[in-house]
Full PDB file with SEQRES, HELIX, SHEET, SSBOND, CRYST1, ORIGX, SCALE, CONECT and MASTER records, all heavy atoms in Angstrom:
SEQRES   1 A   32  PHE PRO GLU HIS ALA ARG ALA ALA ALA LEU ASP GLY CYS          
SEQRES   2 A   32  HIS ALA TYR VAL VAL GLY ALA LEU PHE SER VAL GLY ASN          
SEQRES   3 A   32  GLY TYR HIS GLU SER ARG                                      
HELIX    1 AA1 PRO A    2  LEU A   10  1                                   9    
HELIX    2 AA2 ASN A   26  SER A   31  1                                   6    
CRYST1    1.000    1.000    1.000  90.00  90.00  90.00 P 1           1          
ORIGX1      1.000000  0.000000  0.000000        0.00000                         
ORIGX2      0.000000  1.000000  0.000000        0.00000                         
ORIGX3      0.000000  0.000000  1.000000        0.00000                         
SCALE1      1.000000  0.000000  0.000000        0.00000                         
SCALE2      0.000000  1.000000  0.000000        0.00000                         
SCALE3      0.000000  0.000000  1.000000        0.00000                         
ATOM      1  N   PHE A   1      -3.781   5.235  -1.369  1.00  0.00           N  
ATOM      2  CA  PHE A   1      -4.433   6.304  -0.609  1.00  0.00           C  
ATOM      3  C   PHE A   1      -3.532   6.415   0.751  1.00  0.00           C  
ATOM      4  O   PHE A   1      -3.593   5.497   1.619  1.00  0.00           O  
ATOM      5  CB  PHE A   1      -5.869   6.063  -0.289  1.00  0.00           C  
ATOM      6  CG  PHE A   1      -6.711   6.065  -1.450  1.00  0.00           C  
ATOM      7  CD1 PHE A   1      -6.852   4.933  -2.310  1.00  0.00           C  
ATOM      8  CD2 PHE A   1      -7.431   7.179  -1.853  1.00  0.00           C  
ATOM      9  CE1 PHE A   1      -7.580   4.951  -3.421  1.00  0.00           C  
ATOM     10  CE2 PHE A   1      -8.330   7.255  -2.965  1.00  0.00           C  
ATOM     11  CZ  PHE A   1      -8.371   6.065  -3.775  1.00  0.00           C  
ATOM     12  N   PRO A   2      -2.779   7.414   0.779  1.00  0.00           N  
ATOM     13  CA  PRO A   2      -1.877   7.610   1.950  1.00  0.00           C  
ATOM     14  C   PRO A   2      -2.568   7.444   3.272  1.00  0.00           C  
ATOM     15  O   PRO A   2      -2.064   6.836   4.233  1.00  0.00           O  
ATOM     16  CB  PRO A   2      -1.305   8.900   1.779  1.00  0.00           C  
ATOM     17  CG  PRO A   2      -1.397   9.234   0.329  1.00  0.00           C  
ATOM     18  CD  PRO A   2      -2.644   8.627  -0.058  1.00  0.00           C  
ATOM     19  N   GLU A   3      -3.824   7.979   3.362  1.00  0.00           N  
ATOM     20  CA  GLU A   3      -4.528   7.937   4.604  1.00  0.00           C  
ATOM     21  C   GLU A   3      -4.843   6.510   5.098  1.00  0.00           C  
ATOM     22  O   GLU A   3      -5.010   6.228   6.324  1.00  0.00           O  
ATOM     23  CB  GLU A   3      -5.860   8.757   4.629  1.00  0.00           C  
ATOM     24  CG  GLU A   3      -6.819   8.322   3.586  1.00  0.00           C  
ATOM     25  CD  GLU A   3      -6.581   8.894   2.165  1.00  0.00           C  
ATOM     26  OE1 GLU A   3      -5.527   9.477   1.911  1.00  0.00           O  
ATOM     27  OE2 GLU A   3      -7.594   8.919   1.456  1.00  0.00           O  
ATOM     28  N   HIS A   4      -4.915   5.473   4.164  1.00  0.00           N  
ATOM     29  CA  HIS A   4      -5.198   4.022   4.484  1.00  0.00           C  
ATOM     30  C   HIS A   4      -4.050   3.535   5.359  1.00  0.00           C  
ATOM     31  O   HIS A   4      -4.225   2.962   6.384  1.00  0.00           O  
ATOM     32  CB  HIS A   4      -5.409   3.149   3.311  1.00  0.00           C  
ATOM     33  CG  HIS A   4      -6.062   1.989   3.638  1.00  0.00           C  
ATOM     34  ND1 HIS A   4      -5.313   0.860   3.782  1.00  0.00           N  
ATOM     35  CD2 HIS A   4      -7.386   1.620   3.793  1.00  0.00           C  
ATOM     36  CE1 HIS A   4      -6.068  -0.151   4.104  1.00  0.00           C  
ATOM     37  NE2 HIS A   4      -7.425   0.158   4.125  1.00  0.00           N  
ATOM     38  N   ALA A   5      -2.884   3.630   4.866  1.00  0.00           N  
ATOM     39  CA  ALA A   5      -1.734   3.174   5.574  1.00  0.00           C  
ATOM     40  C   ALA A   5      -1.532   3.899   6.808  1.00  0.00           C  
ATOM     41  O   ALA A   5      -1.040   3.445   7.898  1.00  0.00           O  
ATOM     42  CB  ALA A   5      -0.384   3.121   4.746  1.00  0.00           C  
ATOM     43  N   ARG A   6      -1.685   5.287   6.782  1.00  0.00           N  
ATOM     44  CA  ARG A   6      -1.636   6.103   7.925  1.00  0.00           C  
ATOM     45  C   ARG A   6      -2.596   5.671   9.092  1.00  0.00           C  
ATOM     46  O   ARG A   6      -2.126   5.730  10.249  1.00  0.00           O  
ATOM     47  CB  ARG A   6      -1.822   7.618   7.495  1.00  0.00           C  
ATOM     48  CG  ARG A   6      -1.751   8.585   8.707  1.00  0.00           C  
ATOM     49  CD  ARG A   6      -0.564   8.559   9.609  1.00  0.00           C  
ATOM     50  NE  ARG A   6       0.698   8.683   8.804  1.00  0.00           N  
ATOM     51  CZ  ARG A   6       1.303   9.876   8.566  1.00  0.00           C  
ATOM     52  NH1 ARG A   6       0.716  11.036   8.805  1.00  0.00           N  
ATOM     53  NH2 ARG A   6       2.430   9.886   7.896  1.00  0.00           N  
ATOM     54  N   ALA A   7      -3.729   5.325   8.758  1.00  0.00           N  
ATOM     55  CA  ALA A   7      -4.785   4.865   9.714  1.00  0.00           C  
ATOM     56  C   ALA A   7      -4.113   3.637  10.441  1.00  0.00           C  
ATOM     57  O   ALA A   7      -4.339   3.456  11.694  1.00  0.00           O  
ATOM     58  CB  ALA A   7      -6.055   4.531   9.102  1.00  0.00           C  
ATOM     59  N   ALA A   8      -3.597   2.795   9.695  1.00  0.00           N  
ATOM     60  CA  ALA A   8      -2.893   1.599  10.350  1.00  0.00           C  
ATOM     61  C   ALA A   8      -1.719   1.979  11.247  1.00  0.00           C  
ATOM     62  O   ALA A   8      -1.743   1.468  12.339  1.00  0.00           O  
ATOM     63  CB  ALA A   8      -2.489   0.575   9.320  1.00  0.00           C  
ATOM     64  N   ALA A   9      -1.041   2.832  10.743  1.00  0.00           N  
ATOM     65  CA  ALA A   9       0.132   3.366  11.588  1.00  0.00           C  
ATOM     66  C   ALA A   9      -0.340   4.030  12.848  1.00  0.00           C  
ATOM     67  O   ALA A   9       0.230   3.827  13.969  1.00  0.00           O  
ATOM     68  CB  ALA A   9       1.083   4.260  10.896  1.00  0.00           C  
ATOM     69  N   LEU A  10      -1.374   4.890  12.746  1.00  0.00           N  
ATOM     70  CA  LEU A  10      -1.871   5.461  13.942  1.00  0.00           C  
ATOM     71  C   LEU A  10      -2.550   4.512  14.878  1.00  0.00           C  
ATOM     72  O   LEU A  10      -2.823   4.818  16.150  1.00  0.00           O  
ATOM     73  CB  LEU A  10      -2.910   6.566  13.505  1.00  0.00           C  
ATOM     74  CG  LEU A  10      -2.258   7.820  12.795  1.00  0.00           C  
ATOM     75  CD1 LEU A  10      -3.280   8.758  12.319  1.00  0.00           C  
ATOM     76  CD2 LEU A  10      -1.172   8.473  13.667  1.00  0.00           C  
ATOM     77  N   ASP A  11      -2.944   3.319  14.412  1.00  0.00           N  
ATOM     78  CA  ASP A  11      -3.479   2.247  15.219  1.00  0.00           C  
ATOM     79  C   ASP A  11      -2.277   1.419  15.770  1.00  0.00           C  
ATOM     80  O   ASP A  11      -2.558   0.370  16.331  1.00  0.00           O  
ATOM     81  CB  ASP A  11      -4.362   1.457  14.444  1.00  0.00           C  
ATOM     82  CG  ASP A  11      -5.200   0.501  15.245  1.00  0.00           C  
ATOM     83  OD1 ASP A  11      -5.757   0.918  16.318  1.00  0.00           O  
ATOM     84  OD2 ASP A  11      -5.301  -0.729  15.028  1.00  0.00           O  
ATOM     85  N   GLY A  12      -1.063   1.905  15.694  1.00  0.00           N  
ATOM     86  CA  GLY A  12       0.074   1.197  16.230  1.00  0.00           C  
ATOM     87  C   GLY A  12       0.713   0.228  15.376  1.00  0.00           C  
ATOM     88  O   GLY A  12       1.502  -0.658  15.898  1.00  0.00           O  
ATOM     89  N   CYS A  13       0.284   0.090  14.066  1.00  0.00           N  
ATOM     90  CA  CYS A  13       0.836  -0.975  13.215  1.00  0.00           C  
ATOM     91  C   CYS A  13       2.321  -0.759  12.941  1.00  0.00           C  
ATOM     92  O   CYS A  13       2.850   0.277  12.696  1.00  0.00           O  
ATOM     93  CB  CYS A  13       0.097  -1.074  11.899  1.00  0.00           C  
ATOM     94  SG  CYS A  13      -1.576  -1.802  12.189  1.00  0.00           S  
ATOM     95  N   HIS A  14       3.064  -1.923  12.946  1.00  0.00           N  
ATOM     96  CA  HIS A  14       4.492  -1.931  12.601  1.00  0.00           C  
ATOM     97  C   HIS A  14       4.732  -2.260  11.142  1.00  0.00           C  
ATOM     98  O   HIS A  14       5.872  -2.229  10.745  1.00  0.00           O  
ATOM     99  CB  HIS A  14       5.157  -2.934  13.503  1.00  0.00           C  
ATOM    100  CG  HIS A  14       4.849  -2.603  14.928  1.00  0.00           C  
ATOM    101  ND1 HIS A  14       4.152  -3.610  15.686  1.00  0.00           N  
ATOM    102  CD2 HIS A  14       5.120  -1.742  15.869  1.00  0.00           C  
ATOM    103  CE1 HIS A  14       4.028  -3.207  16.920  1.00  0.00           C  
ATOM    104  NE2 HIS A  14       4.609  -2.065  17.048  1.00  0.00           N  
ATOM    105  N   ALA A  15       3.696  -2.850  10.496  1.00  0.00           N  
ATOM    106  CA  ALA A  15       3.862  -3.217   9.129  1.00  0.00           C  
ATOM    107  C   ALA A  15       2.464  -3.117   8.381  1.00  0.00           C  
ATOM    108  O   ALA A  15       1.360  -3.187   9.005  1.00  0.00           O  
ATOM    109  CB  ALA A  15       4.302  -4.658   8.937  1.00  0.00           C  
ATOM    110  N   TYR A  16       2.558  -2.844   7.116  1.00  0.00           N  
ATOM    111  CA  TYR A  16       1.397  -2.677   6.197  1.00  0.00           C  
ATOM    112  C   TYR A  16       1.435  -3.710   5.217  1.00  0.00           C  
ATOM    113  O   TYR A  16       2.425  -3.744   4.374  1.00  0.00           O  
ATOM    114  CB  TYR A  16       1.447  -1.231   5.573  1.00  0.00           C  
ATOM    115  CG  TYR A  16       0.287  -0.923   4.671  1.00  0.00           C  
ATOM    116  CD1 TYR A  16      -1.069  -0.894   5.124  1.00  0.00           C  
ATOM    117  CD2 TYR A  16       0.448  -0.403   3.354  1.00  0.00           C  
ATOM    118  CE1 TYR A  16      -2.057  -0.530   4.425  1.00  0.00           C  
ATOM    119  CE2 TYR A  16      -0.628  -0.011   2.568  1.00  0.00           C  
ATOM    120  CZ  TYR A  16      -1.905   0.017   3.044  1.00  0.00           C  
ATOM    121  OH  TYR A  16      -3.000   0.359   2.356  1.00  0.00           O  
ATOM    122  N   VAL A  17       0.438  -4.682   5.284  1.00  0.00           N  
ATOM    123  CA  VAL A  17       0.536  -5.896   4.521  1.00  0.00           C  
ATOM    124  C   VAL A  17      -0.564  -5.994   3.469  1.00  0.00           C  
ATOM    125  O   VAL A  17      -1.789  -5.984   3.872  1.00  0.00           O  
ATOM    126  CB  VAL A  17       0.402  -7.051   5.554  1.00  0.00           C  
ATOM    127  CG1 VAL A  17       0.415  -8.437   4.776  1.00  0.00           C  
ATOM    128  CG2 VAL A  17       1.523  -7.033   6.528  1.00  0.00           C  
ATOM    129  N   VAL A  18      -0.202  -6.132   2.148  1.00  0.00           N  
ATOM    130  CA  VAL A  18      -1.178  -5.940   1.107  1.00  0.00           C  
ATOM    131  C   VAL A  18      -1.077  -7.091   0.048  1.00  0.00           C  
ATOM    132  O   VAL A  18      -0.024  -7.396  -0.475  1.00  0.00           O  
ATOM    133  CB  VAL A  18      -0.942  -4.598   0.385  1.00  0.00           C  
ATOM    134  CG1 VAL A  18      -1.832  -4.327  -0.818  1.00  0.00           C  
ATOM    135  CG2 VAL A  18      -1.111  -3.434   1.397  1.00  0.00           C  
ATOM    136  N   GLY A  19      -2.292  -7.626  -0.244  1.00  0.00           N  
ATOM    137  CA  GLY A  19      -2.391  -8.459  -1.501  1.00  0.00           C  
ATOM    138  C   GLY A  19      -3.002  -7.646  -2.639  1.00  0.00           C  
ATOM    139  O   GLY A  19      -3.925  -6.748  -2.401  1.00  0.00           O  
ATOM    140  N   ALA A  20      -2.561  -7.732  -3.807  1.00  0.00           N  
ATOM    141  CA  ALA A  20      -2.819  -6.758  -4.864  1.00  0.00           C  
ATOM    142  C   ALA A  20      -2.876  -7.384  -6.292  1.00  0.00           C  
ATOM    143  O   ALA A  20      -2.452  -8.636  -6.469  1.00  0.00           O  
ATOM    144  CB  ALA A  20      -1.828  -5.610  -4.814  1.00  0.00           C  
ATOM    145  N   LEU A  21      -3.357  -6.638  -7.289  1.00  0.00           N  
ATOM    146  CA  LEU A  21      -3.107  -6.948  -8.700  1.00  0.00           C  
ATOM    147  C   LEU A  21      -2.564  -5.627  -9.241  1.00  0.00           C  
ATOM    148  O   LEU A  21      -3.256  -4.736  -9.445  1.00  0.00           O  
ATOM    149  CB  LEU A  21      -4.399  -7.370  -9.360  1.00  0.00           C  
ATOM    150  CG  LEU A  21      -4.278  -7.793 -10.808  1.00  0.00           C  
ATOM    151  CD1 LEU A  21      -5.476  -8.651 -11.262  1.00  0.00           C  
ATOM    152  CD2 LEU A  21      -4.106  -6.664 -11.793  1.00  0.00           C  
ATOM    153  N   PHE A  22      -1.320  -5.755  -9.590  1.00  0.00           N  
ATOM    154  CA  PHE A  22      -0.578  -4.730 -10.390  1.00  0.00           C  
ATOM    155  C   PHE A  22      -0.222  -5.296 -11.669  1.00  0.00           C  
ATOM    156  O   PHE A  22       0.294  -6.307 -11.754  1.00  0.00           O  
ATOM    157  CB  PHE A  22       0.609  -4.141  -9.652  1.00  0.00           C  
ATOM    158  CG  PHE A  22       0.394  -3.293  -8.511  1.00  0.00           C  
ATOM    159  CD1 PHE A  22       0.356  -3.724  -7.178  1.00  0.00           C  
ATOM    160  CD2 PHE A  22      -0.108  -1.935  -8.671  1.00  0.00           C  
ATOM    161  CE1 PHE A  22       0.035  -2.888  -6.058  1.00  0.00           C  
ATOM    162  CE2 PHE A  22      -0.374  -1.153  -7.578  1.00  0.00           C  
ATOM    163  CZ  PHE A  22      -0.286  -1.559  -6.279  1.00  0.00           C  
ATOM    164  N   SER A  23      -0.545  -4.546 -12.828  1.00  0.00           N  
ATOM    165  CA  SER A  23      -0.467  -5.086 -14.128  1.00  0.00           C  
ATOM    166  C   SER A  23       0.786  -4.583 -14.875  1.00  0.00           C  
ATOM    167  O   SER A  23       1.410  -3.507 -14.393  1.00  0.00           O  
ATOM    168  CB  SER A  23      -1.731  -4.762 -14.925  1.00  0.00           C  
ATOM    169  OG  SER A  23      -1.869  -3.366 -15.055  1.00  0.00           O  
ATOM    170  N   VAL A  24       1.075  -5.177 -15.916  1.00  0.00           N  
ATOM    171  CA  VAL A  24       2.128  -4.645 -16.862  1.00  0.00           C  
ATOM    172  C   VAL A  24       1.605  -3.352 -17.425  1.00  0.00           C  
ATOM    173  O   VAL A  24       0.457  -3.123 -17.678  1.00  0.00           O  
ATOM    174  CB  VAL A  24       2.372  -5.692 -18.037  1.00  0.00           C  
ATOM    175  CG1 VAL A  24       3.223  -5.110 -19.089  1.00  0.00           C  
ATOM    176  CG2 VAL A  24       2.956  -7.029 -17.482  1.00  0.00           C  
ATOM    177  N   GLY A  25       2.543  -2.451 -17.553  1.00  0.00           N  
ATOM    178  CA  GLY A  25       2.201  -1.098 -17.982  1.00  0.00           C  
ATOM    179  C   GLY A  25       2.585  -0.198 -16.778  1.00  0.00           C  
ATOM    180  O   GLY A  25       3.741   0.054 -16.510  1.00  0.00           O  
ATOM    181  N   ASN A  26       1.512   0.465 -16.292  1.00  0.00           N  
ATOM    182  CA  ASN A  26       1.684   1.392 -15.209  1.00  0.00           C  
ATOM    183  C   ASN A  26       1.816   0.703 -13.726  1.00  0.00           C  
ATOM    184  O   ASN A  26       2.138   1.346 -12.884  1.00  0.00           O  
ATOM    185  CB  ASN A  26       0.528   2.432 -15.145  1.00  0.00           C  
ATOM    186  CG  ASN A  26       0.982   3.712 -14.535  1.00  0.00           C  
ATOM    187  OD1 ASN A  26       2.023   4.184 -14.662  1.00  0.00           O  
ATOM    188  ND2 ASN A  26       0.018   4.238 -13.722  1.00  0.00           N  
ATOM    189  N   GLY A  27       1.558  -0.463 -13.597  1.00  0.00           N  
ATOM    190  CA  GLY A  27       1.355  -1.150 -12.405  1.00  0.00           C  
ATOM    191  C   GLY A  27       2.644  -1.189 -11.594  1.00  0.00           C  
ATOM    192  O   GLY A  27       2.755  -0.958 -10.375  1.00  0.00           O  
ATOM    193  N   TYR A  28       3.758  -1.534 -12.280  1.00  0.00           N  
ATOM    194  CA  TYR A  28       5.137  -1.655 -11.603  1.00  0.00           C  
ATOM    195  C   TYR A  28       5.395  -0.247 -11.005  1.00  0.00           C  
ATOM    196  O   TYR A  28       5.860  -0.114  -9.948  1.00  0.00           O  
ATOM    197  CB  TYR A  28       6.135  -2.126 -12.515  1.00  0.00           C  
ATOM    198  CG  TYR A  28       7.404  -2.365 -11.838  1.00  0.00           C  
ATOM    199  CD1 TYR A  28       7.655  -3.520 -11.200  1.00  0.00           C  
ATOM    200  CD2 TYR A  28       8.492  -1.408 -11.894  1.00  0.00           C  
ATOM    201  CE1 TYR A  28       9.037  -3.742 -10.462  1.00  0.00           C  
ATOM    202  CE2 TYR A  28       9.665  -1.660 -11.194  1.00  0.00           C  
ATOM    203  CZ  TYR A  28       9.843  -2.841 -10.543  1.00  0.00           C  
ATOM    204  OH  TYR A  28      11.035  -2.940  -9.894  1.00  0.00           O  
ATOM    205  N   HIS A  29       5.332   0.767 -11.913  1.00  0.00           N  
ATOM    206  CA  HIS A  29       5.526   2.171 -11.493  1.00  0.00           C  
ATOM    207  C   HIS A  29       4.800   2.578 -10.270  1.00  0.00           C  
ATOM    208  O   HIS A  29       5.268   3.094  -9.320  1.00  0.00           O  
ATOM    209  CB  HIS A  29       5.385   3.169 -12.601  1.00  0.00           C  
ATOM    210  CG  HIS A  29       5.391   4.556 -12.292  1.00  0.00           C  
ATOM    211  ND1 HIS A  29       6.513   5.222 -11.848  1.00  0.00           N  
ATOM    212  CD2 HIS A  29       4.295   5.530 -12.104  1.00  0.00           C  
ATOM    213  CE1 HIS A  29       6.228   6.474 -11.523  1.00  0.00           C  
ATOM    214  NE2 HIS A  29       4.915   6.728 -11.626  1.00  0.00           N  
ATOM    215  N   GLU A  30       3.505   2.298 -10.387  1.00  0.00           N  
ATOM    216  CA  GLU A  30       2.634   2.601  -9.169  1.00  0.00           C  
ATOM    217  C   GLU A  30       3.039   1.923  -7.909  1.00  0.00           C  
ATOM    218  O   GLU A  30       3.234   2.599  -6.885  1.00  0.00           O  
ATOM    219  CB  GLU A  30       1.162   2.215  -9.441  1.00  0.00           C  
ATOM    220  CG  GLU A  30       0.504   3.088 -10.479  1.00  0.00           C  
ATOM    221  CD  GLU A  30      -1.022   2.599 -10.712  1.00  0.00           C  
ATOM    222  OE1 GLU A  30      -1.303   1.478 -10.492  1.00  0.00           O  
ATOM    223  OE2 GLU A  30      -1.705   3.469 -11.285  1.00  0.00           O  
ATOM    224  N   SER A  31       3.327   0.644  -7.979  1.00  0.00           N  
ATOM    225  CA  SER A  31       3.664  -0.088  -6.811  1.00  0.00           C  
ATOM    226  C   SER A  31       5.004   0.384  -6.216  1.00  0.00           C  
ATOM    227  O   SER A  31       5.123   0.560  -5.021  1.00  0.00           O  
ATOM    228  CB  SER A  31       3.674  -1.551  -7.001  1.00  0.00           C  
ATOM    229  OG  SER A  31       4.696  -2.040  -7.931  1.00  0.00           O  
ATOM    230  N   ARG A  32       5.937   0.756  -7.088  1.00  0.00           N  
ATOM    231  CA  ARG A  32       7.316   1.206  -6.623  1.00  0.00           C  
ATOM    232  C   ARG A  32       7.181   2.612  -6.210  1.00  0.00           C  
ATOM    233  O   ARG A  32       8.203   3.096  -5.615  1.00  0.00           O  
ATOM    234  CB  ARG A  32       8.307   0.939  -7.665  1.00  0.00           C  
ATOM    235  CG  ARG A  32       9.047  -0.380  -7.693  1.00  0.00           C  
ATOM    236  CD  ARG A  32       8.000  -1.575  -7.567  1.00  0.00           C  
ATOM    237  NE  ARG A  32       8.639  -2.818  -7.111  1.00  0.00           N  
ATOM    238  CZ  ARG A  32       7.913  -3.872  -6.883  1.00  0.00           C  
ATOM    239  NH1 ARG A  32       6.621  -3.938  -7.105  1.00  0.00           N  
ATOM    240  NH2 ARG A  32       8.436  -5.030  -6.557  1.00  0.00           N  
TER     241      ARG A  32                                                      
MASTER        0    0    0    2    0    0    0    6  240    1    0    3          
END                                                                             
């Protein structure tokens, strides 16, 4: 969701730090 990282940036963030589960199949494409 673009607005999630944008909210961090508008709060002055210099980095967006995420722990996730991306799976074989569509996950690599989504994350990239």
